[in-house]
Amino acid sequence: MVYNVNDGFPDRIIGFEKVAKGINYLLEVEVVETAVTPQLFLVLHEETNDPAEFNFPTADPAATYNGETIPPTIVHTNPGNYLVTQDQTLGEENEVIIPLVVADLDTWLVIYTQTAGGQPDEIIGQAWLPAGVNRNIRIAIPAGMEGENLLAMPHQDGENPREFDYPEGDDVPLQRNRQLVFSPFLLEAYSESASFNP
C-alpha cells in the first residue's frame, strides 16, 4: 500500500498493488496523482480474506514479522539528482555500465578517473541522458583501464543542448545540498565471477 502523509504520519491510501509470495522487484504502483505528498509511506499488508480484493481496514491488516508490525518504508517524491554505480569489469567494447541515474534535467553522465584522495581527476568518457530515470547506461572509455578506481558524475546540459561543454562551457557538475553528486566504482581485472551483466 502507498500512503500519503499528514503531520508526519501515514494518512490516506493513494495506491496499492498485489505482491506475490517470494521476491518482487521493480513493482509499479499507480497512485492518485493529486494526493501525492513530498513524502510517502510504503506499507505491507497481509492477505487474510478474499485474495482478489483488498479489504483493509475490515481485513488485510499491516503485515507482521516475529509478532511485530513491519514498519513502513519512507520514500520521497522529490529525490533530486542521484546515481548508483557498481564495481565491474570492462565490457567487450570498452564500455562501463552505470545501473541507475535519476536527474531532474537533461544531463551528461561523465566518467572520471580518481585522484589519490578520491576526487574527480581526468574525464575519460561521457553520455547524454534525458531528464528522468535512466537505467544501465553504457559509456565508452579508453582501453587498458582495468584496476582503476573511477567516478561517475552527472553534469547539467547547458546552453548548447547535447554538446558537452566542460570545463570551458557551462555543463558544470550537478550538486545537492552544495555537494557534488558522484559515485565511485572499481573497474576490476577480468574474471567471470566479477563480470556485471544487467
N, C-alpha and C. Protein backbone atom coordinates (compact mmCIF):
# COMPACT_ATOMS: atom_id res chain seq x y z
N MET A 1 0.83 -1.18 0.00
CA MET A 1 0.00 0.00 0.00
C MET A 1 0.88 1.25 0.00
N VAL A 2 0.44 2.27 -0.69
CA VAL A 2 1.12 3.56 -0.69
C VAL A 2 0.21 4.55 0.04
N TYR A 3 0.75 5.14 1.11
CA TYR A 3 0.01 6.13 1.87
C TYR A 3 0.65 7.50 1.64
N ASN A 4 -0.19 8.53 1.56
CA ASN A 4 0.39 9.87 1.64
C ASN A 4 0.56 10.24 3.12
N VAL A 5 1.07 11.42 3.38
CA VAL A 5 1.49 11.79 4.73
C VAL A 5 0.77 13.03 5.20
N ASN A 6 0.38 13.01 6.47
CA ASN A 6 -0.22 14.16 7.13
C ASN A 6 0.41 14.30 8.50
N ASP A 7 1.08 15.45 8.75
CA ASP A 7 1.76 15.69 10.04
C ASP A 7 2.76 14.59 10.38
N GLY A 8 3.43 14.06 9.35
CA GLY A 8 4.49 13.08 9.57
C GLY A 8 4.01 11.65 9.73
N PHE A 9 2.70 11.38 9.58
CA PHE A 9 2.16 10.04 9.77
C PHE A 9 1.40 9.60 8.52
N PRO A 10 1.32 8.26 8.29
CA PRO A 10 0.52 7.78 7.16
C PRO A 10 -0.92 8.27 7.27
N ASP A 11 -1.48 8.70 6.13
CA ASP A 11 -2.82 9.27 6.14
C ASP A 11 -3.75 8.44 5.26
N ARG A 12 -3.81 8.76 3.96
CA ARG A 12 -4.72 8.08 3.05
C ARG A 12 -3.98 7.09 2.15
N ILE A 13 -4.63 5.96 1.86
CA ILE A 13 -4.09 5.04 0.86
C ILE A 13 -4.35 5.64 -0.51
N ILE A 14 -3.28 5.88 -1.26
CA ILE A 14 -3.43 6.50 -2.58
C ILE A 14 -3.05 5.55 -3.71
N GLY A 15 -2.68 4.31 -3.36
CA GLY A 15 -2.37 3.32 -4.38
C GLY A 15 -2.02 1.99 -3.75
N PHE A 16 -2.25 0.91 -4.47
CA PHE A 16 -1.87 -0.40 -3.96
C PHE A 16 -1.65 -1.36 -5.11
N GLU A 17 -0.90 -2.41 -4.84
CA GLU A 17 -0.59 -3.42 -5.84
C GLU A 17 -0.40 -4.74 -5.13
N LYS A 18 -0.92 -5.82 -5.70
CA LYS A 18 -0.75 -7.14 -5.12
C LYS A 18 0.69 -7.60 -5.27
N VAL A 19 1.23 -8.18 -4.20
CA VAL A 19 2.62 -8.65 -4.18
C VAL A 19 2.61 -10.17 -4.08
N ALA A 20 3.30 -10.83 -4.99
CA ALA A 20 3.36 -12.29 -4.98
C ALA A 20 4.29 -12.78 -3.88
N LYS A 21 4.06 -13.98 -3.41
CA LYS A 21 4.94 -14.59 -2.42
C LYS A 21 6.33 -14.75 -3.02
N GLY A 22 7.36 -14.41 -2.24
CA GLY A 22 8.73 -14.52 -2.71
C GLY A 22 9.34 -13.16 -2.97
N ILE A 23 10.28 -13.10 -3.89
CA ILE A 23 10.99 -11.86 -4.19
C ILE A 23 10.26 -11.10 -5.29
N ASN A 24 10.01 -9.85 -5.02
CA ASN A 24 9.38 -8.96 -6.01
C ASN A 24 10.28 -7.75 -6.22
N TYR A 25 10.43 -7.31 -7.44
CA TYR A 25 11.25 -6.13 -7.69
C TYR A 25 10.70 -5.35 -8.88
N LEU A 26 11.04 -4.06 -8.93
CA LEU A 26 10.59 -3.15 -9.98
C LEU A 26 9.06 -3.15 -10.10
N LEU A 27 8.39 -3.15 -8.94
CA LEU A 27 6.93 -3.07 -8.95
C LEU A 27 6.48 -1.66 -9.31
N GLU A 28 5.48 -1.55 -10.12
CA GLU A 28 4.89 -0.26 -10.46
C GLU A 28 3.53 -0.16 -9.79
N VAL A 29 3.32 0.90 -9.02
CA VAL A 29 2.07 1.10 -8.30
C VAL A 29 1.45 2.41 -8.78
N GLU A 30 0.27 2.34 -9.37
CA GLU A 30 -0.43 3.54 -9.80
C GLU A 30 -1.01 4.24 -8.58
N VAL A 31 -0.80 5.56 -8.47
CA VAL A 31 -1.28 6.32 -7.32
C VAL A 31 -2.18 7.46 -7.80
N VAL A 32 -2.95 8.00 -6.85
CA VAL A 32 -3.77 9.17 -7.14
C VAL A 32 -2.84 10.38 -7.18
N GLU A 33 -2.56 10.89 -8.37
CA GLU A 33 -1.53 11.91 -8.54
C GLU A 33 -1.80 13.16 -7.72
N THR A 34 -3.06 13.56 -7.63
CA THR A 34 -3.39 14.79 -6.90
C THR A 34 -3.22 14.65 -5.39
N ALA A 35 -3.06 13.40 -4.91
CA ALA A 35 -2.91 13.17 -3.46
C ALA A 35 -1.48 12.90 -3.05
N VAL A 36 -0.54 12.96 -4.00
CA VAL A 36 0.86 12.68 -3.69
C VAL A 36 1.44 13.80 -2.84
N THR A 37 2.14 13.43 -1.76
CA THR A 37 2.82 14.38 -0.89
C THR A 37 4.33 14.22 -1.06
N PRO A 38 5.14 15.20 -0.61
CA PRO A 38 6.60 15.08 -0.80
C PRO A 38 7.20 13.83 -0.16
N GLN A 39 6.53 13.27 0.82
CA GLN A 39 6.97 12.03 1.45
C GLN A 39 5.81 11.04 1.39
N LEU A 40 6.11 9.78 1.11
CA LEU A 40 5.11 8.72 1.08
C LEU A 40 5.56 7.56 1.96
N PHE A 41 4.60 6.79 2.44
CA PHE A 41 4.88 5.58 3.20
C PHE A 41 4.46 4.36 2.39
N LEU A 42 5.34 3.36 2.34
CA LEU A 42 5.02 2.07 1.74
C LEU A 42 4.80 1.07 2.86
N VAL A 43 3.63 0.42 2.87
CA VAL A 43 3.26 -0.49 3.95
C VAL A 43 2.83 -1.82 3.36
N LEU A 44 3.39 -2.91 3.90
CA LEU A 44 2.94 -4.25 3.50
C LEU A 44 1.72 -4.64 4.32
N HIS A 45 0.70 -5.19 3.65
CA HIS A 45 -0.49 -5.70 4.32
C HIS A 45 -0.62 -7.18 4.04
N GLU A 46 -1.09 -7.93 5.05
CA GLU A 46 -1.33 -9.36 4.86
C GLU A 46 -2.62 -9.58 4.07
N GLU A 47 -2.63 -10.67 3.34
CA GLU A 47 -3.84 -11.05 2.62
C GLU A 47 -4.56 -12.11 3.45
N THR A 48 -5.65 -11.73 4.10
CA THR A 48 -6.30 -12.62 5.06
C THR A 48 -7.72 -12.99 4.69
N ASN A 49 -8.26 -12.45 3.61
CA ASN A 49 -9.66 -12.72 3.27
C ASN A 49 -9.75 -13.11 1.81
N ASP A 50 -10.46 -12.38 1.03
CA ASP A 50 -10.63 -12.66 -0.39
C ASP A 50 -9.35 -12.28 -1.14
N PRO A 51 -8.64 -13.23 -1.74
CA PRO A 51 -7.36 -12.91 -2.41
C PRO A 51 -7.52 -11.99 -3.61
N ALA A 52 -8.75 -11.84 -4.10
CA ALA A 52 -8.96 -10.98 -5.28
C ALA A 52 -9.27 -9.54 -4.90
N GLU A 53 -9.42 -9.26 -3.60
CA GLU A 53 -9.82 -7.92 -3.17
C GLU A 53 -8.92 -7.43 -2.04
N PHE A 54 -8.70 -6.13 -1.99
CA PHE A 54 -8.02 -5.52 -0.85
C PHE A 54 -9.09 -5.08 0.14
N ASN A 55 -9.04 -5.63 1.36
CA ASN A 55 -10.15 -5.48 2.31
C ASN A 55 -9.78 -4.72 3.57
N PHE A 56 -8.80 -3.88 3.52
CA PHE A 56 -8.44 -3.06 4.68
C PHE A 56 -9.44 -1.90 4.78
N PRO A 57 -9.92 -1.51 5.98
CA PRO A 57 -9.48 -1.91 7.32
C PRO A 57 -10.24 -3.07 7.94
N THR A 58 -11.29 -3.60 7.25
CA THR A 58 -12.04 -4.70 7.85
C THR A 58 -11.23 -5.98 7.90
N ALA A 59 -10.29 -6.12 6.99
CA ALA A 59 -9.38 -7.27 6.96
C ALA A 59 -8.07 -6.79 6.36
N ASP A 60 -7.17 -7.74 6.05
CA ASP A 60 -5.87 -7.41 5.44
C ASP A 60 -5.09 -6.38 6.26
N PRO A 61 -4.76 -6.71 7.53
CA PRO A 61 -4.04 -5.74 8.37
C PRO A 61 -2.59 -5.59 7.94
N ALA A 62 -1.90 -4.63 8.55
CA ALA A 62 -0.46 -4.45 8.28
C ALA A 62 0.28 -5.74 8.60
N ALA A 63 1.25 -6.10 7.77
CA ALA A 63 1.99 -7.35 7.93
C ALA A 63 2.86 -7.32 9.17
N THR A 64 3.11 -8.51 9.73
CA THR A 64 3.94 -8.64 10.92
C THR A 64 5.08 -9.62 10.66
N TYR A 65 6.12 -9.51 11.48
CA TYR A 65 7.25 -10.44 11.44
C TYR A 65 7.68 -10.70 12.88
N ASN A 66 7.70 -11.97 13.27
CA ASN A 66 8.02 -12.35 14.66
C ASN A 66 7.12 -11.62 15.65
N GLY A 67 5.87 -11.46 15.29
CA GLY A 67 4.92 -10.85 16.20
C GLY A 67 4.92 -9.33 16.22
N GLU A 68 5.79 -8.70 15.44
CA GLU A 68 5.89 -7.25 15.41
C GLU A 68 5.45 -6.73 14.05
N THR A 69 4.72 -5.61 14.06
CA THR A 69 4.31 -5.00 12.80
C THR A 69 5.53 -4.50 12.03
N ILE A 70 5.60 -4.83 10.75
CA ILE A 70 6.72 -4.38 9.92
C ILE A 70 6.59 -2.87 9.72
N PRO A 71 7.60 -2.09 10.08
CA PRO A 71 7.47 -0.63 9.95
C PRO A 71 7.39 -0.22 8.49
N PRO A 72 6.74 0.91 8.21
CA PRO A 72 6.64 1.38 6.82
C PRO A 72 8.00 1.85 6.30
N THR A 73 8.13 1.81 4.99
CA THR A 73 9.31 2.35 4.32
C THR A 73 8.96 3.74 3.81
N ILE A 74 9.85 4.69 4.07
CA ILE A 74 9.62 6.07 3.65
C ILE A 74 10.30 6.30 2.30
N VAL A 75 9.57 6.89 1.38
CA VAL A 75 10.15 7.30 0.10
C VAL A 75 9.83 8.78 -0.11
N HIS A 76 10.67 9.42 -0.89
CA HIS A 76 10.49 10.84 -1.18
C HIS A 76 10.15 11.01 -2.65
N THR A 77 9.22 11.89 -2.95
CA THR A 77 8.82 12.12 -4.33
C THR A 77 9.61 13.23 -4.99
N ASN A 78 10.50 13.88 -4.23
CA ASN A 78 11.36 14.92 -4.80
C ASN A 78 12.82 14.59 -4.47
N PRO A 79 13.33 13.45 -4.98
CA PRO A 79 14.65 12.98 -4.58
C PRO A 79 15.81 13.79 -5.12
N GLY A 80 15.58 14.68 -6.12
CA GLY A 80 16.69 15.42 -6.70
C GLY A 80 17.48 14.55 -7.65
N ASN A 81 18.79 14.76 -7.72
CA ASN A 81 19.65 14.04 -8.65
C ASN A 81 20.49 13.02 -7.90
N TYR A 82 20.51 11.79 -8.39
CA TYR A 82 21.37 10.79 -7.77
C TYR A 82 21.68 9.69 -8.76
N LEU A 83 22.66 8.87 -8.43
CA LEU A 83 23.04 7.77 -9.29
C LEU A 83 23.56 6.61 -8.47
N VAL A 84 23.57 5.44 -9.09
CA VAL A 84 24.04 4.22 -8.45
C VAL A 84 25.10 3.61 -9.36
N THR A 85 26.24 3.24 -8.79
CA THR A 85 27.29 2.55 -9.54
C THR A 85 27.54 1.17 -8.96
N GLN A 86 28.29 0.36 -9.69
CA GLN A 86 28.63 -0.98 -9.23
C GLN A 86 30.00 -1.35 -9.77
N ASP A 87 30.84 -1.96 -8.92
CA ASP A 87 32.12 -2.46 -9.39
C ASP A 87 31.88 -3.44 -10.54
N GLN A 88 32.78 -3.42 -11.53
CA GLN A 88 32.53 -4.21 -12.74
C GLN A 88 33.81 -4.41 -13.53
N THR A 89 33.73 -5.29 -14.52
CA THR A 89 34.82 -5.44 -15.47
C THR A 89 34.50 -4.59 -16.70
N LEU A 90 35.53 -4.30 -17.49
CA LEU A 90 35.34 -3.52 -18.70
C LEU A 90 34.70 -4.41 -19.77
N GLY A 91 33.62 -3.92 -20.39
CA GLY A 91 32.91 -4.70 -21.39
C GLY A 91 33.72 -4.92 -22.64
N GLU A 92 33.20 -5.79 -23.52
CA GLU A 92 33.92 -6.16 -24.74
C GLU A 92 34.22 -4.96 -25.63
N GLU A 93 33.37 -3.95 -25.61
CA GLU A 93 33.58 -2.78 -26.46
C GLU A 93 34.13 -1.61 -25.64
N ASN A 94 34.88 -1.92 -24.60
CA ASN A 94 35.46 -0.89 -23.72
C ASN A 94 34.38 0.03 -23.17
N GLU A 95 33.30 -0.57 -22.67
CA GLU A 95 32.20 0.19 -22.09
C GLU A 95 32.05 -0.14 -20.61
N VAL A 96 31.73 0.90 -19.82
CA VAL A 96 31.29 0.68 -18.46
C VAL A 96 29.77 0.86 -18.41
N ILE A 97 29.14 0.26 -17.43
CA ILE A 97 27.69 0.31 -17.30
C ILE A 97 27.33 0.93 -15.96
N ILE A 98 26.54 2.00 -16.00
CA ILE A 98 26.07 2.64 -14.77
C ILE A 98 24.61 2.22 -14.59
N PRO A 99 24.30 1.49 -13.50
CA PRO A 99 22.96 0.90 -13.37
C PRO A 99 21.81 1.89 -13.32
N LEU A 100 21.99 3.04 -12.65
CA LEU A 100 20.84 3.93 -12.44
C LEU A 100 21.30 5.37 -12.31
N VAL A 101 20.61 6.26 -13.02
CA VAL A 101 20.80 7.70 -12.87
C VAL A 101 19.42 8.34 -12.85
N VAL A 102 19.15 9.16 -11.84
CA VAL A 102 17.91 9.93 -11.76
C VAL A 102 18.29 11.40 -11.79
N ALA A 103 17.72 12.13 -12.74
CA ALA A 103 18.07 13.55 -12.90
C ALA A 103 16.81 14.36 -13.16
N ASP A 104 16.77 15.58 -12.63
CA ASP A 104 15.60 16.42 -12.83
C ASP A 104 15.76 17.37 -14.01
N LEU A 105 16.80 17.16 -14.82
CA LEU A 105 17.01 17.94 -16.04
C LEU A 105 17.88 17.12 -16.98
N ASP A 106 17.90 17.50 -18.25
CA ASP A 106 18.78 16.81 -19.19
C ASP A 106 20.22 16.90 -18.68
N THR A 107 20.96 15.81 -18.85
CA THR A 107 22.20 15.63 -18.10
C THR A 107 23.26 14.95 -18.97
N TRP A 108 24.50 15.26 -18.69
CA TRP A 108 25.63 14.47 -19.18
C TRP A 108 26.12 13.60 -18.02
N LEU A 109 26.22 12.31 -18.24
CA LEU A 109 26.84 11.42 -17.25
C LEU A 109 28.30 11.26 -17.64
N VAL A 110 29.19 11.68 -16.75
CA VAL A 110 30.61 11.77 -17.07
C VAL A 110 31.39 10.79 -16.22
N ILE A 111 32.32 10.08 -16.83
CA ILE A 111 33.20 9.15 -16.12
C ILE A 111 34.56 9.80 -15.95
N TYR A 112 35.03 9.79 -14.70
CA TYR A 112 36.33 10.36 -14.33
C TYR A 112 37.24 9.28 -13.76
N THR A 113 38.53 9.51 -13.90
CA THR A 113 39.47 8.81 -13.04
C THR A 113 39.46 9.52 -11.68
N GLN A 114 40.04 8.85 -10.67
CA GLN A 114 40.08 9.43 -9.32
C GLN A 114 41.48 9.88 -8.96
N THR A 115 41.52 10.93 -8.15
CA THR A 115 42.78 11.30 -7.52
C THR A 115 43.05 10.34 -6.36
N ALA A 116 44.23 10.43 -5.77
CA ALA A 116 44.55 9.60 -4.61
C ALA A 116 43.60 9.87 -3.45
N GLY A 117 43.04 11.06 -3.41
CA GLY A 117 42.11 11.42 -2.34
C GLY A 117 40.66 11.11 -2.66
N GLY A 118 40.40 10.42 -3.78
CA GLY A 118 39.05 10.03 -4.12
C GLY A 118 38.22 11.10 -4.78
N GLN A 119 38.87 12.13 -5.35
CA GLN A 119 38.16 13.21 -6.02
C GLN A 119 38.26 13.04 -7.54
N PRO A 120 37.33 13.66 -8.29
CA PRO A 120 37.39 13.54 -9.76
C PRO A 120 38.68 14.12 -10.33
N ASP A 121 39.23 13.44 -11.32
CA ASP A 121 40.50 13.86 -11.91
C ASP A 121 40.32 14.07 -13.42
N GLU A 122 40.60 13.08 -14.23
CA GLU A 122 40.56 13.23 -15.69
C GLU A 122 39.26 12.66 -16.25
N ILE A 123 38.63 13.38 -17.18
CA ILE A 123 37.43 12.88 -17.86
C ILE A 123 37.85 11.86 -18.92
N ILE A 124 37.21 10.67 -18.87
CA ILE A 124 37.57 9.63 -19.84
C ILE A 124 36.36 9.15 -20.65
N GLY A 125 35.18 9.70 -20.39
CA GLY A 125 34.00 9.31 -21.18
C GLY A 125 32.76 10.04 -20.70
N GLN A 126 31.78 10.18 -21.58
CA GLN A 126 30.53 10.82 -21.20
C GLN A 126 29.41 10.36 -22.12
N ALA A 127 28.17 10.49 -21.60
CA ALA A 127 26.98 10.14 -22.39
C ALA A 127 25.86 11.10 -22.00
N TRP A 128 25.08 11.51 -23.00
CA TRP A 128 23.95 12.41 -22.75
C TRP A 128 22.75 11.61 -22.30
N LEU A 129 21.99 12.14 -21.30
CA LEU A 129 20.80 11.47 -20.78
C LEU A 129 19.65 12.45 -20.70
N PRO A 130 18.43 12.02 -21.03
CA PRO A 130 17.27 12.89 -20.83
C PRO A 130 16.90 12.95 -19.36
N ALA A 131 16.18 13.99 -18.97
CA ALA A 131 15.69 14.10 -17.61
C ALA A 131 14.81 12.90 -17.27
N GLY A 132 14.87 12.48 -16.00
CA GLY A 132 14.06 11.35 -15.55
C GLY A 132 14.91 10.21 -15.07
N VAL A 133 14.37 9.00 -15.15
CA VAL A 133 15.05 7.79 -14.69
C VAL A 133 15.72 7.12 -15.88
N ASN A 134 17.02 6.86 -15.75
CA ASN A 134 17.79 6.18 -16.80
C ASN A 134 18.48 4.98 -16.19
N ARG A 135 18.40 3.84 -16.86
CA ARG A 135 18.97 2.60 -16.34
C ARG A 135 19.99 2.01 -17.31
N ASN A 136 21.01 1.36 -16.73
CA ASN A 136 22.00 0.60 -17.49
C ASN A 136 22.59 1.41 -18.64
N ILE A 137 23.17 2.55 -18.27
CA ILE A 137 23.78 3.44 -19.26
C ILE A 137 25.17 2.93 -19.61
N ARG A 138 25.43 2.78 -20.89
CA ARG A 138 26.73 2.29 -21.36
C ARG A 138 27.56 3.48 -21.84
N ILE A 139 28.80 3.56 -21.35
CA ILE A 139 29.68 4.67 -21.71
C ILE A 139 31.03 4.10 -22.12
N ALA A 140 31.48 4.46 -23.32
CA ALA A 140 32.78 4.00 -23.80
C ALA A 140 33.90 4.77 -23.11
N ILE A 141 34.93 4.04 -22.70
CA ILE A 141 36.12 4.64 -22.09
C ILE A 141 37.35 4.04 -22.77
N PRO A 142 38.53 4.62 -22.56
CA PRO A 142 39.73 4.06 -23.18
C PRO A 142 40.03 2.64 -22.71
N ALA A 143 40.66 1.87 -23.55
CA ALA A 143 41.10 0.53 -23.17
C ALA A 143 42.23 0.62 -22.15
N GLY A 144 42.46 -0.48 -21.45
CA GLY A 144 43.58 -0.55 -20.53
C GLY A 144 43.35 0.11 -19.18
N MET A 145 42.08 0.31 -18.78
CA MET A 145 41.78 0.97 -17.52
C MET A 145 41.52 -0.02 -16.39
N GLU A 146 41.68 -1.32 -16.65
CA GLU A 146 41.39 -2.32 -15.63
C GLU A 146 42.19 -2.05 -14.35
N GLY A 147 41.53 -2.22 -13.22
CA GLY A 147 42.18 -2.00 -11.93
C GLY A 147 42.07 -0.56 -11.45
N GLU A 148 41.49 0.33 -12.25
CA GLU A 148 41.38 1.74 -11.88
C GLU A 148 40.12 1.99 -11.04
N ASN A 149 40.25 2.92 -10.10
CA ASN A 149 39.10 3.44 -9.38
C ASN A 149 38.54 4.62 -10.16
N LEU A 150 37.27 4.54 -10.54
CA LEU A 150 36.65 5.56 -11.37
C LEU A 150 35.49 6.22 -10.62
N LEU A 151 35.01 7.32 -11.18
CA LEU A 151 33.86 8.04 -10.63
C LEU A 151 32.86 8.30 -11.75
N ALA A 152 31.58 8.19 -11.43
CA ALA A 152 30.53 8.64 -12.33
C ALA A 152 29.91 9.90 -11.74
N MET A 153 29.74 10.93 -12.58
CA MET A 153 29.24 12.21 -12.08
C MET A 153 28.32 12.84 -13.12
N PRO A 154 27.11 13.27 -12.71
CA PRO A 154 26.23 13.96 -13.64
C PRO A 154 26.60 15.44 -13.77
N HIS A 155 26.53 15.94 -15.00
CA HIS A 155 26.71 17.37 -15.31
C HIS A 155 25.43 17.87 -15.97
N GLN A 156 25.09 19.12 -15.75
CA GLN A 156 23.95 19.68 -16.44
C GLN A 156 24.26 19.82 -17.93
N ASP A 157 23.21 19.74 -18.75
CA ASP A 157 23.34 20.02 -20.19
C ASP A 157 22.93 21.47 -20.37
N GLY A 158 23.91 22.33 -20.60
CA GLY A 158 23.69 23.78 -20.52
C GLY A 158 23.13 24.40 -21.78
N GLU A 159 23.69 25.55 -22.16
CA GLU A 159 23.13 26.39 -23.22
C GLU A 159 23.17 25.74 -24.59
N ASN A 160 24.10 24.83 -24.83
CA ASN A 160 24.20 24.16 -26.13
C ASN A 160 23.76 22.71 -25.96
N PRO A 161 22.48 22.40 -26.15
CA PRO A 161 21.97 21.06 -25.90
C PRO A 161 22.73 19.98 -26.65
N ARG A 162 23.03 18.91 -25.92
CA ARG A 162 23.70 17.72 -26.46
C ARG A 162 25.10 18.00 -26.98
N GLU A 163 25.69 19.12 -26.57
CA GLU A 163 27.11 19.38 -26.83
C GLU A 163 27.80 19.48 -25.48
N PHE A 164 28.76 18.61 -25.23
CA PHE A 164 29.40 18.58 -23.93
C PHE A 164 30.41 19.72 -23.83
N ASP A 165 30.06 20.73 -23.04
CA ASP A 165 30.87 21.94 -22.90
C ASP A 165 31.41 22.04 -21.48
N TYR A 166 32.50 21.33 -21.23
CA TYR A 166 33.13 21.39 -19.91
C TYR A 166 34.59 20.95 -20.08
N PRO A 167 35.52 21.65 -19.45
CA PRO A 167 35.36 22.71 -18.45
C PRO A 167 35.21 24.11 -19.03
N GLU A 168 35.35 24.29 -20.35
CA GLU A 168 35.28 25.64 -20.91
C GLU A 168 33.87 26.22 -20.86
N GLY A 169 32.84 25.39 -21.03
CA GLY A 169 31.47 25.87 -21.10
C GLY A 169 30.72 25.74 -19.78
N ASP A 170 29.38 25.69 -19.90
CA ASP A 170 28.55 25.75 -18.69
C ASP A 170 27.93 24.41 -18.32
N ASP A 171 28.45 23.31 -18.86
CA ASP A 171 27.95 21.99 -18.47
C ASP A 171 28.62 21.54 -17.17
N VAL A 172 28.32 22.26 -16.11
CA VAL A 172 29.02 22.06 -14.84
C VAL A 172 28.44 20.87 -14.08
N PRO A 173 29.21 20.28 -13.15
CA PRO A 173 28.70 19.16 -12.35
C PRO A 173 27.48 19.56 -11.52
N LEU A 174 26.56 18.63 -11.36
CA LEU A 174 25.39 18.86 -10.53
C LEU A 174 25.76 18.74 -9.05
N GLN A 175 25.02 19.48 -8.23
CA GLN A 175 25.24 19.45 -6.79
C GLN A 175 23.92 19.16 -6.07
N ARG A 176 24.04 18.66 -4.86
CA ARG A 176 22.90 18.51 -3.97
C ARG A 176 23.35 18.93 -2.58
N ASN A 177 22.61 19.85 -1.99
CA ASN A 177 23.00 20.43 -0.69
C ASN A 177 24.43 20.97 -0.74
N ARG A 178 24.77 21.61 -1.88
CA ARG A 178 26.07 22.24 -2.10
C ARG A 178 27.22 21.24 -2.14
N GLN A 179 26.92 19.99 -2.38
CA GLN A 179 27.94 18.96 -2.52
C GLN A 179 27.83 18.34 -3.91
N LEU A 180 29.00 18.06 -4.52
CA LEU A 180 29.00 17.39 -5.81
C LEU A 180 28.30 16.04 -5.71
N VAL A 181 27.55 15.70 -6.75
CA VAL A 181 26.90 14.40 -6.83
C VAL A 181 27.80 13.47 -7.63
N PHE A 182 28.35 12.42 -7.00
CA PHE A 182 29.12 11.44 -7.75
C PHE A 182 29.13 10.13 -6.99
N SER A 183 29.50 9.05 -7.70
CA SER A 183 29.55 7.73 -7.09
C SER A 183 30.76 6.99 -7.64
N PRO A 184 31.61 6.45 -6.75
CA PRO A 184 32.81 5.74 -7.20
C PRO A 184 32.51 4.28 -7.55
N PHE A 185 33.38 3.70 -8.35
CA PHE A 185 33.32 2.26 -8.61
C PHE A 185 34.69 1.79 -9.09
N LEU A 186 34.93 0.50 -8.92
CA LEU A 186 36.20 -0.11 -9.31
C LEU A 186 36.03 -0.82 -10.64
N LEU A 187 36.94 -0.57 -11.55
CA LEU A 187 36.98 -1.31 -12.81
C LEU A 187 37.94 -2.48 -12.60
N GLU A 188 37.38 -3.63 -12.36
CA GLU A 188 38.17 -4.79 -11.96
C GLU A 188 38.85 -5.45 -13.15
N ALA A 189 39.92 -6.18 -12.85
CA ALA A 189 40.51 -7.03 -13.87
C ALA A 189 39.52 -8.13 -14.20
N TYR A 190 39.53 -8.63 -15.43
CA TYR A 190 38.50 -9.56 -15.86
C TYR A 190 38.56 -10.87 -15.10
N SER A 191 37.39 -11.29 -14.63
CA SER A 191 37.18 -12.66 -14.16
C SER A 191 35.70 -12.93 -14.28
N GLU A 192 35.31 -14.19 -14.53
CA GLU A 192 33.89 -14.49 -14.74
C GLU A 192 33.07 -14.14 -13.52
N SER A 193 33.62 -14.32 -12.32
CA SER A 193 32.86 -14.03 -11.10
C SER A 193 32.66 -12.54 -10.89
N ALA A 194 33.52 -11.71 -11.51
CA ALA A 194 33.42 -10.26 -11.30
C ALA A 194 32.61 -9.56 -12.37
N SER A 195 32.24 -10.27 -13.43
CA SER A 195 31.56 -9.59 -14.53
C SER A 195 30.18 -9.13 -14.11
N PHE A 196 29.72 -8.05 -14.71
CA PHE A 196 28.42 -7.44 -14.38
C PHE A 196 27.57 -7.46 -15.62
N ASN A 197 26.44 -8.17 -15.55
CA ASN A 197 25.54 -8.24 -16.69
C ASN A 197 24.15 -7.82 -16.26
N PRO A 198 23.76 -6.57 -16.54
CA PRO A 198 22.45 -6.09 -16.09
C PRO A 198 21.31 -6.82 -16.79
